[in-house]
N, C-alpha and C. Protein backbone atom coordinates (compact mmCIF):
# COMPACT_ATOMS: atom_id res chain seq x y z
N MET A 1 14.30 8.66 4.25
CA MET A 1 12.90 8.56 4.62
C MET A 1 12.79 8.21 6.10
N SER A 2 11.78 8.73 6.71
CA SER A 2 11.58 8.46 8.13
C SER A 2 10.51 7.39 8.32
N PHE A 3 10.31 6.99 9.56
CA PHE A 3 9.31 5.98 9.88
C PHE A 3 7.94 6.61 10.10
N SER A 4 7.62 7.65 9.35
CA SER A 4 6.33 8.29 9.52
C SER A 4 5.45 8.04 8.31
N TYR A 5 4.19 8.32 8.44
CA TYR A 5 3.23 8.19 7.35
C TYR A 5 2.36 9.45 7.37
N PRO A 6 2.94 10.60 6.94
CA PRO A 6 2.22 11.87 7.05
C PRO A 6 1.08 11.98 6.03
N LYS A 7 0.27 12.99 6.21
CA LYS A 7 -0.90 13.21 5.37
C LYS A 7 -0.52 13.38 3.90
N LYS A 8 0.62 13.99 3.64
CA LYS A 8 1.09 14.19 2.27
C LYS A 8 1.27 12.88 1.51
N GLU A 9 1.62 11.82 2.23
CA GLU A 9 1.89 10.53 1.60
C GLU A 9 0.65 9.67 1.43
N LYS A 10 -0.51 10.16 1.84
CA LYS A 10 -1.73 9.37 1.73
C LYS A 10 -2.39 9.61 0.38
N LEU A 11 -2.82 8.55 -0.24
CA LEU A 11 -3.47 8.62 -1.54
C LEU A 11 -4.94 8.95 -1.33
N LYS A 12 -5.33 10.15 -1.75
CA LYS A 12 -6.70 10.59 -1.50
C LYS A 12 -7.43 11.04 -2.77
N SER A 13 -6.71 11.32 -3.83
CA SER A 13 -7.30 11.83 -5.07
C SER A 13 -8.14 10.76 -5.76
N GLN A 14 -9.44 11.02 -5.89
CA GLN A 14 -10.34 10.07 -6.53
C GLN A 14 -9.94 9.84 -7.98
N LYS A 15 -9.51 10.89 -8.65
CA LYS A 15 -9.09 10.81 -10.04
C LYS A 15 -7.86 9.89 -10.18
N LEU A 16 -6.91 10.05 -9.28
CA LEU A 16 -5.70 9.23 -9.31
C LEU A 16 -6.00 7.78 -8.93
N ILE A 17 -6.92 7.56 -8.01
CA ILE A 17 -7.30 6.20 -7.62
C ILE A 17 -7.96 5.48 -8.79
N GLU A 18 -8.85 6.16 -9.50
CA GLU A 18 -9.50 5.56 -10.67
C GLU A 18 -8.48 5.23 -11.75
N GLN A 19 -7.53 6.15 -11.98
CA GLN A 19 -6.47 5.91 -12.95
C GLN A 19 -5.59 4.74 -12.52
N LEU A 20 -5.32 4.65 -11.24
CA LEU A 20 -4.50 3.57 -10.68
C LEU A 20 -5.13 2.21 -10.98
N PHE A 21 -6.44 2.07 -10.76
CA PHE A 21 -7.09 0.78 -10.97
C PHE A 21 -7.32 0.48 -12.44
N SER A 22 -7.42 1.50 -13.29
CA SER A 22 -7.63 1.22 -14.71
C SER A 22 -6.32 0.96 -15.45
N GLU A 23 -5.24 1.65 -15.09
CA GLU A 23 -3.98 1.54 -15.83
C GLU A 23 -2.85 0.88 -15.04
N GLY A 24 -3.04 0.67 -13.74
CA GLY A 24 -1.95 0.20 -12.90
C GLY A 24 -1.62 -1.27 -13.06
N LYS A 25 -0.45 -1.64 -12.57
CA LYS A 25 0.01 -3.02 -12.55
C LYS A 25 -0.03 -3.49 -11.10
N SER A 26 0.09 -4.80 -10.90
CA SER A 26 -0.01 -5.29 -9.53
C SER A 26 0.98 -6.41 -9.24
N VAL A 27 1.29 -6.56 -7.96
CA VAL A 27 2.05 -7.69 -7.43
C VAL A 27 1.28 -8.21 -6.22
N SER A 28 1.44 -9.50 -5.94
CA SER A 28 0.68 -10.10 -4.84
C SER A 28 1.58 -10.91 -3.93
N ALA A 29 1.19 -10.93 -2.67
CA ALA A 29 1.75 -11.83 -1.67
C ALA A 29 0.56 -12.13 -0.75
N TYR A 30 -0.16 -13.21 -1.09
CA TYR A 30 -1.42 -13.48 -0.41
C TYR A 30 -1.26 -13.38 1.10
N PRO A 31 -2.12 -12.68 1.80
CA PRO A 31 -3.40 -12.09 1.43
C PRO A 31 -3.33 -10.61 1.04
N LEU A 32 -2.18 -10.14 0.59
CA LEU A 32 -2.04 -8.74 0.21
C LEU A 32 -1.81 -8.62 -1.29
N ARG A 33 -2.29 -7.51 -1.84
CA ARG A 33 -2.07 -7.19 -3.25
C ARG A 33 -1.72 -5.72 -3.34
N LEU A 34 -0.72 -5.40 -4.14
CA LEU A 34 -0.27 -4.02 -4.31
C LEU A 34 -0.51 -3.61 -5.76
N VAL A 35 -1.31 -2.58 -5.96
CA VAL A 35 -1.54 -2.02 -7.28
C VAL A 35 -0.72 -0.75 -7.34
N TYR A 36 0.09 -0.59 -8.39
CA TYR A 36 0.97 0.57 -8.47
C TYR A 36 0.91 1.20 -9.86
N LEU A 37 1.20 2.49 -9.89
CA LEU A 37 1.21 3.25 -11.14
C LEU A 37 2.29 4.30 -11.04
N LYS A 38 3.16 4.33 -12.04
CA LYS A 38 4.21 5.34 -12.07
C LYS A 38 3.56 6.67 -12.42
N THR A 39 3.84 7.69 -11.63
CA THR A 39 3.20 8.98 -11.82
C THR A 39 4.14 10.08 -11.38
N ASN A 40 3.67 11.31 -11.44
CA ASN A 40 4.49 12.44 -11.03
C ASN A 40 3.63 13.36 -10.16
N PHE A 41 4.10 13.65 -8.97
CA PHE A 41 3.38 14.53 -8.05
C PHE A 41 4.03 15.91 -8.12
N GLU A 42 3.41 16.83 -8.87
CA GLU A 42 4.00 18.16 -9.06
C GLU A 42 3.94 19.00 -7.79
N VAL A 43 2.79 19.02 -7.15
CA VAL A 43 2.56 19.90 -6.00
C VAL A 43 3.39 19.46 -4.80
N ASP A 44 3.25 18.20 -4.43
CA ASP A 44 3.98 17.68 -3.28
C ASP A 44 5.33 17.16 -3.74
N ASN A 45 6.35 17.46 -2.99
CA ASN A 45 7.67 16.93 -3.30
C ASN A 45 7.81 15.58 -2.59
N ILE A 46 7.03 14.61 -3.05
CA ILE A 46 6.94 13.33 -2.36
C ILE A 46 7.10 12.21 -3.39
N GLN A 47 7.65 11.10 -2.95
CA GLN A 47 7.96 10.02 -3.87
C GLN A 47 6.83 9.00 -4.00
N PHE A 48 6.15 8.70 -2.89
CA PHE A 48 5.08 7.71 -2.90
C PHE A 48 3.84 8.25 -2.24
N LYS A 49 2.68 7.93 -2.84
CA LYS A 49 1.40 8.17 -2.18
C LYS A 49 0.75 6.80 -2.07
N THR A 50 0.32 6.46 -0.88
CA THR A 50 -0.16 5.11 -0.62
C THR A 50 -1.53 5.13 0.05
N GLY A 51 -2.38 4.22 -0.36
CA GLY A 51 -3.67 4.02 0.27
C GLY A 51 -3.83 2.56 0.63
N VAL A 52 -4.74 2.27 1.55
CA VAL A 52 -5.03 0.89 1.94
C VAL A 52 -6.53 0.66 1.81
N SER A 53 -6.89 -0.58 1.52
CA SER A 53 -8.30 -0.89 1.35
C SER A 53 -8.58 -2.33 1.78
N VAL A 54 -9.76 -2.52 2.35
CA VAL A 54 -10.22 -3.85 2.75
C VAL A 54 -11.64 -4.02 2.22
N SER A 55 -11.92 -5.15 1.62
CA SER A 55 -13.20 -5.39 0.98
C SER A 55 -14.35 -5.50 1.98
N LYS A 56 -15.42 -4.79 1.66
CA LYS A 56 -16.62 -4.86 2.48
C LYS A 56 -17.32 -6.20 2.28
N ARG A 57 -17.09 -6.81 1.15
CA ARG A 57 -17.69 -8.11 0.86
C ARG A 57 -17.17 -9.18 1.83
N ASN A 58 -15.86 -9.12 2.13
CA ASN A 58 -15.26 -10.14 2.99
C ASN A 58 -15.40 -9.83 4.47
N PHE A 59 -15.48 -8.53 4.82
CA PHE A 59 -15.59 -8.12 6.22
C PHE A 59 -16.77 -7.17 6.36
N LYS A 60 -17.89 -7.71 6.82
CA LYS A 60 -19.12 -6.92 6.89
C LYS A 60 -19.06 -5.83 7.96
N LYS A 61 -18.38 -6.12 9.07
CA LYS A 61 -18.34 -5.16 10.17
C LYS A 61 -17.23 -4.15 9.98
N ALA A 62 -17.57 -2.89 10.17
CA ALA A 62 -16.60 -1.81 9.98
C ALA A 62 -15.42 -1.92 10.95
N VAL A 63 -15.66 -2.42 12.16
CA VAL A 63 -14.57 -2.55 13.13
C VAL A 63 -13.51 -3.52 12.63
N ASP A 64 -13.94 -4.59 11.95
CA ASP A 64 -12.98 -5.55 11.40
C ASP A 64 -12.18 -4.94 10.26
N ARG A 65 -12.87 -4.23 9.37
CA ARG A 65 -12.17 -3.57 8.25
C ARG A 65 -11.19 -2.53 8.77
N ASN A 66 -11.61 -1.73 9.73
CA ASN A 66 -10.74 -0.68 10.26
C ASN A 66 -9.52 -1.24 10.96
N ARG A 67 -9.69 -2.35 11.67
CA ARG A 67 -8.54 -2.97 12.35
C ARG A 67 -7.51 -3.45 11.33
N ILE A 68 -7.96 -4.09 10.28
CA ILE A 68 -7.03 -4.58 9.27
C ILE A 68 -6.35 -3.42 8.55
N LYS A 69 -7.10 -2.34 8.31
CA LYS A 69 -6.49 -1.17 7.67
C LYS A 69 -5.42 -0.55 8.58
N ARG A 70 -5.67 -0.51 9.88
CA ARG A 70 -4.66 -0.02 10.82
C ARG A 70 -3.41 -0.89 10.78
N LEU A 71 -3.59 -2.19 10.75
CA LEU A 71 -2.46 -3.11 10.68
C LEU A 71 -1.67 -2.91 9.39
N LEU A 72 -2.38 -2.73 8.27
CA LEU A 72 -1.72 -2.52 6.98
C LEU A 72 -0.90 -1.24 6.98
N ARG A 73 -1.49 -0.16 7.50
CA ARG A 73 -0.78 1.13 7.53
C ARG A 73 0.46 1.04 8.42
N GLU A 74 0.35 0.37 9.55
CA GLU A 74 1.49 0.25 10.46
C GLU A 74 2.60 -0.59 9.84
N ALA A 75 2.25 -1.69 9.22
CA ALA A 75 3.26 -2.54 8.58
C ALA A 75 3.94 -1.78 7.43
N TYR A 76 3.17 -1.01 6.67
CA TYR A 76 3.75 -0.20 5.59
C TYR A 76 4.69 0.86 6.16
N ARG A 77 4.25 1.54 7.20
CA ARG A 77 5.04 2.62 7.81
C ARG A 77 6.39 2.11 8.30
N LEU A 78 6.40 0.93 8.92
CA LEU A 78 7.63 0.38 9.47
C LEU A 78 8.59 -0.15 8.41
N ASN A 79 8.06 -0.58 7.26
CA ASN A 79 8.90 -1.24 6.27
C ASN A 79 9.23 -0.40 5.04
N LYS A 80 8.60 0.75 4.87
CA LYS A 80 8.80 1.49 3.63
C LYS A 80 10.23 2.01 3.46
N THR A 81 10.89 2.39 4.53
CA THR A 81 12.25 2.93 4.39
C THR A 81 13.23 1.88 3.89
N VAL A 82 13.04 0.64 4.27
CA VAL A 82 13.95 -0.43 3.88
C VAL A 82 13.88 -0.68 2.37
N TYR A 83 12.68 -0.65 1.81
CA TYR A 83 12.49 -1.06 0.43
C TYR A 83 12.48 0.09 -0.58
N PHE A 84 12.20 1.31 -0.12
CA PHE A 84 12.02 2.41 -1.07
C PHE A 84 13.18 3.38 -1.15
N ASN A 85 14.26 3.16 -0.42
CA ASN A 85 15.38 4.10 -0.44
C ASN A 85 16.07 4.19 -1.80
N ASN A 86 16.13 3.10 -2.56
CA ASN A 86 16.86 3.11 -3.82
C ASN A 86 15.96 3.29 -5.04
N ILE A 87 14.67 3.53 -4.86
CA ILE A 87 13.75 3.77 -5.98
C ILE A 87 13.66 5.28 -6.20
N LEU A 88 13.91 5.70 -7.43
CA LEU A 88 13.98 7.13 -7.72
C LEU A 88 12.69 7.70 -8.31
N SER A 89 11.86 6.89 -8.93
CA SER A 89 10.64 7.37 -9.56
C SER A 89 9.53 7.57 -8.53
N SER A 90 8.48 8.28 -8.95
CA SER A 90 7.31 8.49 -8.09
C SER A 90 6.23 7.47 -8.45
N TYR A 91 5.58 6.94 -7.43
CA TYR A 91 4.53 5.94 -7.64
C TYR A 91 3.32 6.23 -6.77
N ALA A 92 2.15 5.88 -7.31
CA ALA A 92 0.92 5.84 -6.53
C ALA A 92 0.69 4.37 -6.21
N LEU A 93 0.44 4.06 -4.95
CA LEU A 93 0.29 2.67 -4.50
C LEU A 93 -1.04 2.48 -3.80
N MET A 94 -1.64 1.31 -3.97
CA MET A 94 -2.82 0.94 -3.21
C MET A 94 -2.60 -0.48 -2.71
N ILE A 95 -2.65 -0.65 -1.40
CA ILE A 95 -2.46 -1.96 -0.79
C ILE A 95 -3.85 -2.51 -0.44
N LEU A 96 -4.16 -3.67 -0.99
CA LEU A 96 -5.46 -4.30 -0.79
C LEU A 96 -5.31 -5.55 0.05
N TYR A 97 -6.21 -5.75 0.98
CA TYR A 97 -6.25 -6.99 1.76
C TYR A 97 -7.30 -7.87 1.09
N ILE A 98 -6.86 -8.96 0.47
CA ILE A 98 -7.79 -9.79 -0.29
C ILE A 98 -8.13 -11.11 0.41
N GLY A 99 -7.62 -11.29 1.62
CA GLY A 99 -7.93 -12.50 2.38
C GLY A 99 -9.35 -12.45 2.94
N LYS A 100 -9.81 -13.58 3.45
CA LYS A 100 -11.16 -13.66 4.01
C LYS A 100 -11.16 -13.85 5.53
N ASP A 101 -9.97 -14.03 6.12
CA ASP A 101 -9.87 -14.27 7.55
C ASP A 101 -9.27 -13.07 8.26
N LYS A 102 -9.65 -12.91 9.53
CA LYS A 102 -9.01 -11.89 10.36
C LYS A 102 -7.56 -12.29 10.59
N THR A 103 -6.72 -11.32 10.89
CA THR A 103 -5.30 -11.60 10.98
C THR A 103 -4.67 -10.84 12.13
N GLU A 104 -3.41 -11.18 12.41
CA GLU A 104 -2.63 -10.51 13.44
C GLU A 104 -1.50 -9.72 12.80
N PHE A 105 -0.89 -8.85 13.58
CA PHE A 105 0.13 -7.95 13.04
C PHE A 105 1.35 -8.70 12.50
N ASP A 106 1.79 -9.75 13.18
CA ASP A 106 2.99 -10.47 12.74
C ASP A 106 2.81 -11.04 11.33
N ALA A 107 1.65 -11.59 11.05
CA ALA A 107 1.37 -12.14 9.72
C ALA A 107 1.34 -11.03 8.67
N VAL A 108 0.68 -9.93 9.00
CA VAL A 108 0.60 -8.81 8.06
C VAL A 108 1.98 -8.23 7.80
N ASP A 109 2.78 -8.11 8.85
CA ASP A 109 4.12 -7.55 8.71
C ASP A 109 5.00 -8.41 7.80
N SER A 110 4.98 -9.70 7.99
CA SER A 110 5.82 -10.56 7.14
C SER A 110 5.35 -10.55 5.69
N LYS A 111 4.04 -10.55 5.48
CA LYS A 111 3.52 -10.50 4.12
C LYS A 111 3.79 -9.14 3.47
N MET A 112 3.76 -8.07 4.27
CA MET A 112 4.07 -6.73 3.75
C MET A 112 5.53 -6.68 3.27
N LYS A 113 6.43 -7.30 4.02
CA LYS A 113 7.83 -7.36 3.60
C LYS A 113 7.97 -8.09 2.28
N ASN A 114 7.28 -9.23 2.14
CA ASN A 114 7.31 -9.97 0.88
C ASN A 114 6.76 -9.14 -0.28
N LEU A 115 5.66 -8.45 0.00
CA LEU A 115 5.00 -7.64 -1.04
C LEU A 115 5.89 -6.48 -1.48
N LEU A 116 6.47 -5.75 -0.53
CA LEU A 116 7.32 -4.62 -0.87
C LEU A 116 8.60 -5.07 -1.55
N ASP A 117 9.10 -6.24 -1.18
CA ASP A 117 10.28 -6.79 -1.83
C ASP A 117 9.97 -7.13 -3.29
N ALA A 118 8.81 -7.74 -3.53
CA ALA A 118 8.41 -8.07 -4.90
C ALA A 118 8.22 -6.80 -5.73
N PHE A 119 7.63 -5.77 -5.12
CA PHE A 119 7.45 -4.50 -5.81
C PHE A 119 8.80 -3.85 -6.16
N ALA A 120 9.73 -3.85 -5.21
CA ALA A 120 11.03 -3.25 -5.44
C ALA A 120 11.79 -3.98 -6.56
N LYS A 121 11.67 -5.30 -6.61
CA LYS A 121 12.33 -6.07 -7.67
C LYS A 121 11.69 -5.79 -9.03
N LYS A 122 10.38 -5.63 -9.04
CA LYS A 122 9.67 -5.44 -10.30
C LYS A 122 9.97 -4.06 -10.92
N VAL A 123 10.10 -3.04 -10.11
CA VAL A 123 10.32 -1.69 -10.66
C VAL A 123 11.79 -1.36 -10.84
N SER A 124 12.69 -2.16 -10.29
CA SER A 124 14.13 -1.88 -10.44
C SER A 124 14.65 -2.39 -11.77
């Protein structure tokens, strides 16, 4: 896997997102939560599809939500190769920011490592 986050790897299917939240399992590393669902992507030859989300309830301004989403995507992009190389199944993932405070990249990056490590242990 490379250090990229191409369009193919982005979770965009509304049907799959609804299924993810209704049937999926989750792991947490406050202020992040990962909801995952084992699935099969027939069309794309891809192992993971990932989305990020930040609550509008906690962050009223779109600029704040968008900044945190950028930080989440970057932390995921940099760390996914380390944790996902030995996982063979396909998963749909949604990373949620459930904290109420603004944050910096270093904090998000360390929590993302904890979160992905917990996910890798849970599915192995």
